[in-house]
Amino acid sequence: MEKPTHLIEFETMLVGRHSHLFDPRARGTSGRLDRSAYVLLSRIEIDGPLSIGQLSDAFGLDASTLNRQTAAMLKAGVVERIPDPEGGIARKFSITAEGRRRLDADRGANVHGLERVLEQWTAEEVADFAAYLRRFNSDIERLEGRPWPRPRPTEAARDPRPSP
């Protein structure tokens, strides 16, 4: 008999395979952020401007990798370098208006795709699944020693189950 962890491994592998279904726009479509830019912009959105060193600490990536990724983001106009608002020496990366527009557009498309996938689920099932995913990710972050800050939930996102 397979252990449940074997089934989880298999199903998480398939999630990666099917991620293109969440967003009807195919990868490579003009204007679509690549995965690294989407994740980096999402972190900067929550934390505010970050330096290469702070990004390295947050992601556990070396500075050369982040330099390549942020250079591509600068070229695409989705981030800009700004002086440290707290007066530090290192310059920080901040989201531009274009970066915000593209991040919001991609996130909206991703959410819409997820809603299509989950349309047969009850509100309670969706809320439970979201809670399990958060716990799963939080436990990974705890083991890595790199917690990911969570955005403050909006009133609608706190509990998607309808009130009685």
N, C-alpha and C. Protein backbone atom coordinates (compact mmCIF):
# COMPACT_ATOMS: atom_id res chain seq x y z
N MET A 1 0.83 -1.19 0.00
CA MET A 1 0.00 0.00 0.00
C MET A 1 0.88 1.26 0.00
N GLU A 2 0.51 2.21 -0.83
CA GLU A 2 1.28 3.44 -0.89
C GLU A 2 1.02 4.30 0.35
N LYS A 3 2.07 4.95 0.80
CA LYS A 3 1.90 5.91 1.89
C LYS A 3 1.23 7.16 1.33
N PRO A 4 0.49 7.87 2.18
CA PRO A 4 -0.10 9.13 1.72
C PRO A 4 0.95 10.12 1.20
N THR A 5 2.17 10.10 1.76
CA THR A 5 3.20 11.01 1.27
C THR A 5 3.59 10.69 -0.18
N HIS A 6 3.50 9.43 -0.59
CA HIS A 6 3.74 9.08 -1.99
C HIS A 6 2.68 9.72 -2.88
N LEU A 7 1.45 9.68 -2.42
CA LEU A 7 0.36 10.28 -3.19
C LEU A 7 0.50 11.80 -3.25
N ILE A 8 0.92 12.42 -2.16
CA ILE A 8 1.13 13.87 -2.14
C ILE A 8 2.24 14.24 -3.12
N GLU A 9 3.34 13.48 -3.11
CA GLU A 9 4.44 13.76 -4.04
C GLU A 9 3.94 13.70 -5.47
N PHE A 10 3.19 12.66 -5.79
CA PHE A 10 2.69 12.50 -7.15
C PHE A 10 1.76 13.64 -7.54
N GLU A 11 0.84 13.98 -6.66
CA GLU A 11 -0.13 15.03 -6.98
C GLU A 11 0.52 16.41 -7.07
N THR A 12 1.53 16.69 -6.24
CA THR A 12 2.22 17.99 -6.35
C THR A 12 3.02 18.07 -7.64
N MET A 13 3.55 16.93 -8.10
CA MET A 13 4.22 16.91 -9.39
C MET A 13 3.23 17.28 -10.50
N LEU A 14 2.02 16.74 -10.40
CA LEU A 14 1.01 17.04 -11.42
C LEU A 14 0.55 18.49 -11.36
N VAL A 15 0.50 19.08 -10.18
CA VAL A 15 0.12 20.50 -10.08
C VAL A 15 1.07 21.33 -10.93
N GLY A 16 2.36 21.06 -10.83
CA GLY A 16 3.33 21.78 -11.66
C GLY A 16 3.09 21.56 -13.14
N ARG A 17 2.69 20.36 -13.50
CA ARG A 17 2.43 20.04 -14.90
C ARG A 17 1.20 20.78 -15.42
N HIS A 18 0.21 20.96 -14.57
CA HIS A 18 -1.06 21.55 -14.99
C HIS A 18 -1.15 23.05 -14.72
N SER A 19 -0.11 23.66 -14.20
CA SER A 19 -0.20 25.08 -13.82
C SER A 19 -0.58 25.98 -14.99
N HIS A 20 -0.25 25.57 -16.20
CA HIS A 20 -0.62 26.38 -17.37
C HIS A 20 -2.14 26.46 -17.55
N LEU A 21 -2.88 25.53 -16.96
CA LEU A 21 -4.33 25.54 -17.10
C LEU A 21 -4.99 26.62 -16.24
N PHE A 22 -4.30 27.06 -15.20
CA PHE A 22 -4.87 28.07 -14.32
C PHE A 22 -5.05 29.39 -15.06
N ASP A 23 -4.15 29.65 -15.99
CA ASP A 23 -4.18 30.90 -16.73
C ASP A 23 -4.39 30.59 -18.20
N PRO A 24 -5.50 31.03 -18.77
CA PRO A 24 -5.76 30.71 -20.18
C PRO A 24 -4.75 31.32 -21.13
N ARG A 25 -4.04 32.37 -20.70
CA ARG A 25 -3.00 32.93 -21.56
C ARG A 25 -1.78 32.01 -21.52
N ALA A 26 -1.32 31.61 -22.66
CA ALA A 26 -0.18 30.70 -22.71
C ALA A 26 1.09 31.42 -22.29
N ARG A 27 2.02 30.64 -21.76
CA ARG A 27 3.34 31.22 -21.43
C ARG A 27 3.97 31.78 -22.68
N GLY A 28 4.72 32.83 -22.48
CA GLY A 28 5.40 33.44 -23.61
C GLY A 28 4.56 34.50 -24.30
N THR A 29 3.30 34.63 -23.86
CA THR A 29 2.46 35.66 -24.45
C THR A 29 3.02 37.02 -24.05
N SER A 30 3.03 37.94 -24.97
CA SER A 30 3.57 39.26 -24.70
C SER A 30 2.91 39.87 -23.47
N GLY A 31 3.72 40.40 -22.60
CA GLY A 31 3.21 41.05 -21.41
C GLY A 31 3.13 40.16 -20.19
N ARG A 32 3.21 38.86 -20.37
CA ARG A 32 3.13 37.92 -19.25
C ARG A 32 4.48 37.90 -18.53
N LEU A 33 4.43 38.01 -17.21
CA LEU A 33 5.65 37.93 -16.41
C LEU A 33 6.16 36.50 -16.40
N ASP A 34 7.49 36.34 -16.39
CA ASP A 34 7.99 34.98 -16.20
C ASP A 34 7.86 34.63 -14.72
N ARG A 35 8.01 33.36 -14.42
CA ARG A 35 7.77 32.89 -13.06
C ARG A 35 8.63 33.63 -12.03
N SER A 36 9.93 33.79 -12.32
CA SER A 36 10.80 34.44 -11.33
C SER A 36 10.39 35.88 -11.09
N ALA A 37 10.02 36.60 -12.14
CA ALA A 37 9.59 37.99 -11.97
C ALA A 37 8.29 38.04 -11.17
N TYR A 38 7.37 37.13 -11.43
CA TYR A 38 6.10 37.09 -10.71
C TYR A 38 6.33 36.88 -9.21
N VAL A 39 7.22 35.94 -8.88
CA VAL A 39 7.49 35.64 -7.47
C VAL A 39 8.25 36.80 -6.81
N LEU A 40 9.27 37.33 -7.48
CA LEU A 40 10.02 38.45 -6.92
C LEU A 40 9.14 39.68 -6.71
N LEU A 41 8.32 40.01 -7.70
CA LEU A 41 7.42 41.16 -7.56
C LEU A 41 6.41 40.93 -6.44
N SER A 42 5.95 39.71 -6.29
CA SER A 42 5.00 39.41 -5.21
C SER A 42 5.64 39.64 -3.85
N ARG A 43 6.92 39.28 -3.72
CA ARG A 43 7.61 39.49 -2.44
C ARG A 43 7.86 40.97 -2.19
N ILE A 44 8.29 41.70 -3.21
CA ILE A 44 8.51 43.13 -3.07
C ILE A 44 7.20 43.84 -2.75
N GLU A 45 6.11 43.37 -3.33
CA GLU A 45 4.80 43.95 -3.06
C GLU A 45 4.45 43.87 -1.57
N ILE A 46 4.78 42.75 -0.94
CA ILE A 46 4.45 42.55 0.48
C ILE A 46 5.44 43.28 1.37
N ASP A 47 6.75 43.15 1.09
CA ASP A 47 7.79 43.69 1.96
C ASP A 47 8.15 45.14 1.68
N GLY A 48 7.86 45.63 0.49
CA GLY A 48 8.34 46.94 0.08
C GLY A 48 9.70 46.78 -0.59
N PRO A 49 10.35 47.89 -0.91
CA PRO A 49 11.62 47.82 -1.63
C PRO A 49 12.65 46.93 -0.93
N LEU A 50 13.36 46.13 -1.72
CA LEU A 50 14.35 45.19 -1.19
C LEU A 50 15.65 45.28 -1.99
N SER A 51 16.76 45.08 -1.29
CA SER A 51 18.08 45.05 -1.93
C SER A 51 18.38 43.63 -2.41
N ILE A 52 19.44 43.50 -3.19
CA ILE A 52 19.89 42.17 -3.63
C ILE A 52 20.17 41.29 -2.41
N GLY A 53 20.83 41.84 -1.40
CA GLY A 53 21.13 41.07 -0.19
C GLY A 53 19.86 40.59 0.52
N GLN A 54 18.87 41.46 0.61
CA GLN A 54 17.62 41.07 1.24
C GLN A 54 16.89 40.01 0.41
N LEU A 55 16.91 40.17 -0.91
CA LEU A 55 16.30 39.16 -1.77
C LEU A 55 17.02 37.82 -1.64
N SER A 56 18.34 37.87 -1.55
CA SER A 56 19.14 36.66 -1.38
C SER A 56 18.75 35.94 -0.09
N ASP A 57 18.63 36.69 1.00
CA ASP A 57 18.21 36.10 2.28
C ASP A 57 16.80 35.53 2.19
N ALA A 58 15.90 36.26 1.54
CA ALA A 58 14.50 35.85 1.45
C ALA A 58 14.32 34.58 0.63
N PHE A 59 15.09 34.45 -0.45
CA PHE A 59 14.89 33.34 -1.38
C PHE A 59 15.94 32.23 -1.26
N GLY A 60 17.03 32.51 -0.55
CA GLY A 60 18.10 31.52 -0.48
C GLY A 60 18.81 31.34 -1.80
N LEU A 61 18.86 32.41 -2.60
CA LEU A 61 19.53 32.38 -3.90
C LEU A 61 20.79 33.22 -3.82
N ASP A 62 21.77 32.88 -4.67
CA ASP A 62 23.00 33.66 -4.67
C ASP A 62 22.78 34.98 -5.41
N ALA A 63 23.63 35.93 -5.11
CA ALA A 63 23.50 37.28 -5.66
C ALA A 63 23.59 37.29 -7.18
N SER A 64 24.41 36.41 -7.76
CA SER A 64 24.54 36.42 -9.22
C SER A 64 23.23 36.02 -9.90
N THR A 65 22.53 35.06 -9.34
CA THR A 65 21.23 34.66 -9.89
C THR A 65 20.25 35.82 -9.80
N LEU A 66 20.21 36.46 -8.64
CA LEU A 66 19.29 37.59 -8.45
C LEU A 66 19.68 38.78 -9.31
N ASN A 67 20.98 39.00 -9.52
CA ASN A 67 21.41 40.09 -10.41
C ASN A 67 20.90 39.87 -11.83
N ARG A 68 20.97 38.62 -12.31
CA ARG A 68 20.44 38.31 -13.65
C ARG A 68 18.93 38.54 -13.70
N GLN A 69 18.22 38.04 -12.69
CA GLN A 69 16.76 38.17 -12.68
C GLN A 69 16.32 39.63 -12.58
N THR A 70 16.95 40.38 -11.69
CA THR A 70 16.55 41.78 -11.54
C THR A 70 16.98 42.62 -12.75
N ALA A 71 18.09 42.25 -13.40
CA ALA A 71 18.49 42.97 -14.62
C ALA A 71 17.41 42.81 -15.69
N ALA A 72 16.89 41.59 -15.84
CA ALA A 72 15.81 41.36 -16.81
C ALA A 72 14.56 42.15 -16.41
N MET A 73 14.28 42.23 -15.13
CA MET A 73 13.11 42.97 -14.65
C MET A 73 13.28 44.48 -14.87
N LEU A 74 14.51 44.98 -14.66
CA LEU A 74 14.78 46.39 -14.94
C LEU A 74 14.57 46.68 -16.42
N LYS A 75 15.10 45.81 -17.26
CA LYS A 75 14.98 45.98 -18.71
C LYS A 75 13.51 45.96 -19.14
N ALA A 76 12.70 45.13 -18.48
CA ALA A 76 11.27 45.02 -18.80
C ALA A 76 10.47 46.18 -18.22
N GLY A 77 11.11 46.98 -17.36
CA GLY A 77 10.43 48.13 -16.78
C GLY A 77 9.47 47.81 -15.65
N VAL A 78 9.62 46.63 -15.02
CA VAL A 78 8.70 46.26 -13.95
C VAL A 78 9.23 46.60 -12.56
N VAL A 79 10.53 46.88 -12.47
CA VAL A 79 11.12 47.37 -11.22
C VAL A 79 12.05 48.54 -11.56
N GLU A 80 12.36 49.30 -10.53
CA GLU A 80 13.35 50.37 -10.66
C GLU A 80 14.23 50.32 -9.43
N ARG A 81 15.45 50.84 -9.58
CA ARG A 81 16.36 50.93 -8.44
C ARG A 81 16.14 52.28 -7.78
N ILE A 82 16.01 52.23 -6.46
CA ILE A 82 15.80 53.46 -5.70
C ILE A 82 16.78 53.50 -4.54
N PRO A 83 17.09 54.69 -4.03
CA PRO A 83 17.89 54.75 -2.81
C PRO A 83 17.13 54.10 -1.67
N ASP A 84 17.85 53.53 -0.73
CA ASP A 84 17.22 52.89 0.43
C ASP A 84 16.40 53.93 1.19
N PRO A 85 15.09 53.74 1.32
CA PRO A 85 14.26 54.70 2.05
C PRO A 85 14.66 54.87 3.50
N GLU A 86 15.39 53.86 4.05
CA GLU A 86 15.83 53.92 5.45
C GLU A 86 17.25 54.47 5.57
N GLY A 87 17.82 54.93 4.46
CA GLY A 87 19.13 55.57 4.49
C GLY A 87 20.31 54.63 4.37
N GLY A 88 20.08 53.35 4.11
CA GLY A 88 21.19 52.40 3.96
C GLY A 88 21.97 52.67 2.68
N ILE A 89 23.10 52.00 2.54
CA ILE A 89 23.97 52.20 1.40
C ILE A 89 23.44 51.52 0.14
N ALA A 90 22.94 50.29 0.31
CA ALA A 90 22.49 49.50 -0.85
C ALA A 90 21.24 50.09 -1.48
N ARG A 91 21.23 50.11 -2.80
CA ARG A 91 20.01 50.54 -3.51
C ARG A 91 19.03 49.39 -3.47
N LYS A 92 17.77 49.73 -3.58
CA LYS A 92 16.72 48.72 -3.48
C LYS A 92 15.88 48.69 -4.74
N PHE A 93 15.19 47.58 -4.92
CA PHE A 93 14.29 47.42 -6.05
C PHE A 93 12.87 47.70 -5.60
N SER A 94 12.19 48.52 -6.39
CA SER A 94 10.82 48.89 -6.12
C SER A 94 9.98 48.59 -7.36
N ILE A 95 8.73 48.25 -7.16
CA ILE A 95 7.83 47.97 -8.28
C ILE A 95 7.46 49.27 -8.98
N THR A 96 7.52 49.27 -10.29
CA THR A 96 7.07 50.42 -11.08
C THR A 96 5.56 50.31 -11.31
N ALA A 97 4.97 51.36 -11.86
CA ALA A 97 3.55 51.32 -12.21
C ALA A 97 3.30 50.21 -13.23
N GLU A 98 4.22 50.04 -14.17
CA GLU A 98 4.09 48.96 -15.16
C GLU A 98 4.18 47.59 -14.50
N GLY A 99 5.10 47.46 -13.54
CA GLY A 99 5.23 46.20 -12.81
C GLY A 99 3.96 45.89 -12.03
N ARG A 100 3.41 46.89 -11.40
CA ARG A 100 2.16 46.70 -10.64
C ARG A 100 1.03 46.28 -11.59
N ARG A 101 0.94 46.95 -12.74
CA ARG A 101 -0.11 46.63 -13.71
C ARG A 101 0.01 45.18 -14.17
N ARG A 102 1.22 44.77 -14.51
CA ARG A 102 1.43 43.42 -15.01
C ARG A 102 1.23 42.36 -13.92
N LEU A 103 1.71 42.66 -12.71
CA LEU A 103 1.51 41.72 -11.60
C LEU A 103 0.02 41.55 -11.32
N ASP A 104 -0.70 42.65 -11.26
CA ASP A 104 -2.15 42.59 -11.02
C ASP A 104 -2.86 41.83 -12.13
N ALA A 105 -2.46 42.07 -13.38
CA ALA A 105 -3.09 41.38 -14.52
C ALA A 105 -2.82 39.88 -14.46
N ASP A 106 -1.58 39.50 -14.20
CA ASP A 106 -1.25 38.08 -14.12
C ASP A 106 -1.95 37.43 -12.94
N ARG A 107 -1.95 38.09 -11.79
CA ARG A 107 -2.62 37.52 -10.62
C ARG A 107 -4.11 37.36 -10.90
N GLY A 108 -4.72 38.36 -11.50
CA GLY A 108 -6.15 38.27 -11.83
C GLY A 108 -6.43 37.10 -12.76
N ALA A 109 -5.59 36.92 -13.77
CA ALA A 109 -5.76 35.80 -14.70
C ALA A 109 -5.56 34.47 -13.99
N ASN A 110 -4.58 34.39 -13.09
CA ASN A 110 -4.34 33.16 -12.34
C ASN A 110 -5.53 32.82 -11.45
N VAL A 111 -6.05 33.83 -10.75
CA VAL A 111 -7.21 33.61 -9.87
C VAL A 111 -8.42 33.18 -10.70
N HIS A 112 -8.62 33.82 -11.84
CA HIS A 112 -9.73 33.44 -12.71
C HIS A 112 -9.59 31.98 -13.15
N GLY A 113 -8.38 31.59 -13.52
CA GLY A 113 -8.15 30.20 -13.92
C GLY A 113 -8.41 29.23 -12.79
N LEU A 114 -7.96 29.59 -11.58
CA LEU A 114 -8.22 28.73 -10.42
C LEU A 114 -9.72 28.62 -10.16
N GLU A 115 -10.43 29.73 -10.30
CA GLU A 115 -11.88 29.71 -10.10
C GLU A 115 -12.55 28.77 -11.10
N ARG A 116 -12.04 28.74 -12.32
CA ARG A 116 -12.58 27.80 -13.32
C ARG A 116 -12.33 26.36 -12.90
N VAL A 117 -11.11 26.08 -12.40
CA VAL A 117 -10.77 24.73 -11.97
C VAL A 117 -11.64 24.31 -10.78
N LEU A 118 -11.89 25.24 -9.87
CA LEU A 118 -12.58 24.93 -8.61
C LEU A 118 -14.09 25.19 -8.65
N GLU A 119 -14.63 25.46 -9.82
CA GLU A 119 -16.03 25.86 -9.90
C GLU A 119 -17.01 24.80 -9.39
N GLN A 120 -16.62 23.53 -9.39
CA GLN A 120 -17.49 22.46 -8.90
C GLN A 120 -17.34 22.22 -7.39
N TRP A 121 -16.43 22.94 -6.76
CA TRP A 121 -16.18 22.76 -5.34
C TRP A 121 -17.11 23.66 -4.54
N THR A 122 -17.43 23.23 -3.32
CA THR A 122 -18.20 24.10 -2.42
C THR A 122 -17.27 25.17 -1.86
N ALA A 123 -17.86 26.23 -1.35
CA ALA A 123 -17.06 27.29 -0.72
C ALA A 123 -16.26 26.73 0.45
N GLU A 124 -16.84 25.81 1.19
CA GLU A 124 -16.13 25.21 2.33
C GLU A 124 -14.94 24.38 1.85
N GLU A 125 -15.11 23.63 0.78
CA GLU A 125 -13.99 22.83 0.24
C GLU A 125 -12.85 23.74 -0.22
N VAL A 126 -13.18 24.84 -0.87
CA VAL A 126 -12.16 25.79 -1.33
C VAL A 126 -11.43 26.39 -0.13
N ALA A 127 -12.18 26.80 0.89
CA ALA A 127 -11.56 27.38 2.09
C ALA A 127 -10.67 26.36 2.80
N ASP A 128 -11.14 25.12 2.90
CA ASP A 128 -10.32 24.08 3.54
C ASP A 128 -9.04 23.81 2.75
N PHE A 129 -9.16 23.74 1.43
CA PHE A 129 -8.00 23.51 0.58
C PHE A 129 -6.99 24.65 0.74
N ALA A 130 -7.48 25.89 0.76
CA ALA A 130 -6.59 27.04 0.95
C ALA A 130 -5.87 26.96 2.30
N ALA A 131 -6.59 26.55 3.33
CA ALA A 131 -5.98 26.44 4.66
C ALA A 131 -4.91 25.35 4.68
N TYR A 132 -5.17 24.22 4.03
CA TYR A 132 -4.17 23.15 3.97
C TYR A 132 -2.94 23.58 3.17
N LEU A 133 -3.15 24.29 2.06
CA LEU A 133 -2.01 24.77 1.27
C LEU A 133 -1.16 25.75 2.08
N ARG A 134 -1.83 26.63 2.80
CA ARG A 134 -1.09 27.60 3.63
C ARG A 134 -0.27 26.86 4.68
N ARG A 135 -0.89 25.88 5.33
CA ARG A 135 -0.17 25.11 6.35
C ARG A 135 1.01 24.36 5.73
N PHE A 136 0.79 23.75 4.58
CA PHE A 136 1.85 23.01 3.87
C PHE A 136 3.02 23.94 3.56
N ASN A 137 2.73 25.09 2.96
CA ASN A 137 3.79 26.05 2.64
C ASN A 137 4.46 26.59 3.89
N SER A 138 3.70 26.89 4.93
CA SER A 138 4.27 27.41 6.17
C SER A 138 5.22 26.41 6.81
N ASP A 139 4.88 25.12 6.74
CA ASP A 139 5.77 24.10 7.29
C ASP A 139 7.06 23.96 6.47
N ILE A 140 6.96 24.10 5.16
CA ILE A 140 8.16 24.11 4.32
C ILE A 140 9.03 25.31 4.71
N GLU A 141 8.41 26.47 4.83
CA GLU A 141 9.15 27.69 5.19
C GLU A 141 9.80 27.55 6.56
N ARG A 142 9.12 26.93 7.50
CA ARG A 142 9.68 26.71 8.84
C ARG A 142 10.93 25.84 8.75
N LEU A 143 10.88 24.78 7.96
CA LEU A 143 12.04 23.89 7.82
C LEU A 143 13.20 24.58 7.11
N GLU A 144 12.90 25.45 6.14
CA GLU A 144 13.94 26.20 5.43
C GLU A 144 14.47 27.37 6.25
N GLY A 145 13.70 27.80 7.24
CA GLY A 145 14.08 28.97 8.02
C GLY A 145 13.86 30.27 7.28
N ARG A 146 12.96 30.26 6.31
CA ARG A 146 12.67 31.46 5.51
C ARG A 146 11.15 31.63 5.39
N PRO A 147 10.52 32.16 6.42
CA PRO A 147 9.08 32.35 6.32
C PRO A 147 8.73 33.39 5.25
N TRP A 148 7.64 33.14 4.58
CA TRP A 148 7.16 34.05 3.54
C TRP A 148 6.07 34.91 4.17
N PRO A 149 6.23 36.22 4.12
CA PRO A 149 5.18 37.07 4.70
C PRO A 149 3.88 36.91 3.91
N ARG A 150 2.80 36.91 4.63
CA ARG A 150 1.49 36.78 3.99
C ARG A 150 0.83 38.16 3.94
N PRO A 151 0.14 38.44 2.84
CA PRO A 151 -0.60 39.71 2.80
C PRO A 151 -1.74 39.65 3.81
N ARG A 152 -2.12 40.80 4.30
CA ARG A 152 -3.26 40.85 5.20
C ARG A 152 -4.50 40.51 4.38
N PRO A 153 -5.30 39.56 4.87
CA PRO A 153 -6.47 39.17 4.08
C PRO A 153 -7.50 40.28 4.01
N THR A 154 -8.15 40.37 2.87
CA THR A 154 -9.26 41.30 2.73
C THR A 154 -10.47 40.66 3.39
N GLU A 155 -11.46 41.44 3.66
CA GLU A 155 -12.65 40.91 4.33
C GLU A 155 -13.23 39.74 3.53
N ALA A 156 -13.32 39.85 2.22
CA ALA A 156 -13.90 38.80 1.39
C ALA A 156 -13.04 37.54 1.39
N ALA A 157 -11.72 37.69 1.52
CA ALA A 157 -10.84 36.54 1.43
C ALA A 157 -10.68 35.82 2.77
N ARG A 158 -11.09 36.44 3.87
CA ARG A 158 -10.91 35.81 5.18
C ARG A 158 -11.66 34.49 5.26
N ASP A 159 -12.90 34.48 4.89
CA ASP A 159 -13.70 33.26 4.91
C ASP A 159 -14.68 33.30 3.76
N PRO A 160 -14.34 32.58 2.68
CA PRO A 160 -15.19 32.64 1.50
C PRO A 160 -16.51 31.91 1.67
N ARG A 161 -16.70 31.25 2.81
CA ARG A 161 -17.96 30.54 3.01
C ARG A 161 -19.07 31.56 3.27
N PRO A 162 -20.23 31.36 2.68
CA PRO A 162 -21.32 32.30 2.89
C PRO A 162 -21.77 32.30 4.33
N SER A 163 -22.20 33.45 4.82
CA SER A 163 -22.74 33.56 6.18
C SER A 163 -24.09 32.88 6.22
N PRO A 164 -24.43 32.28 7.37
CA PRO A 164 -25.74 31.61 7.47
C PRO A 164 -26.88 32.60 7.45
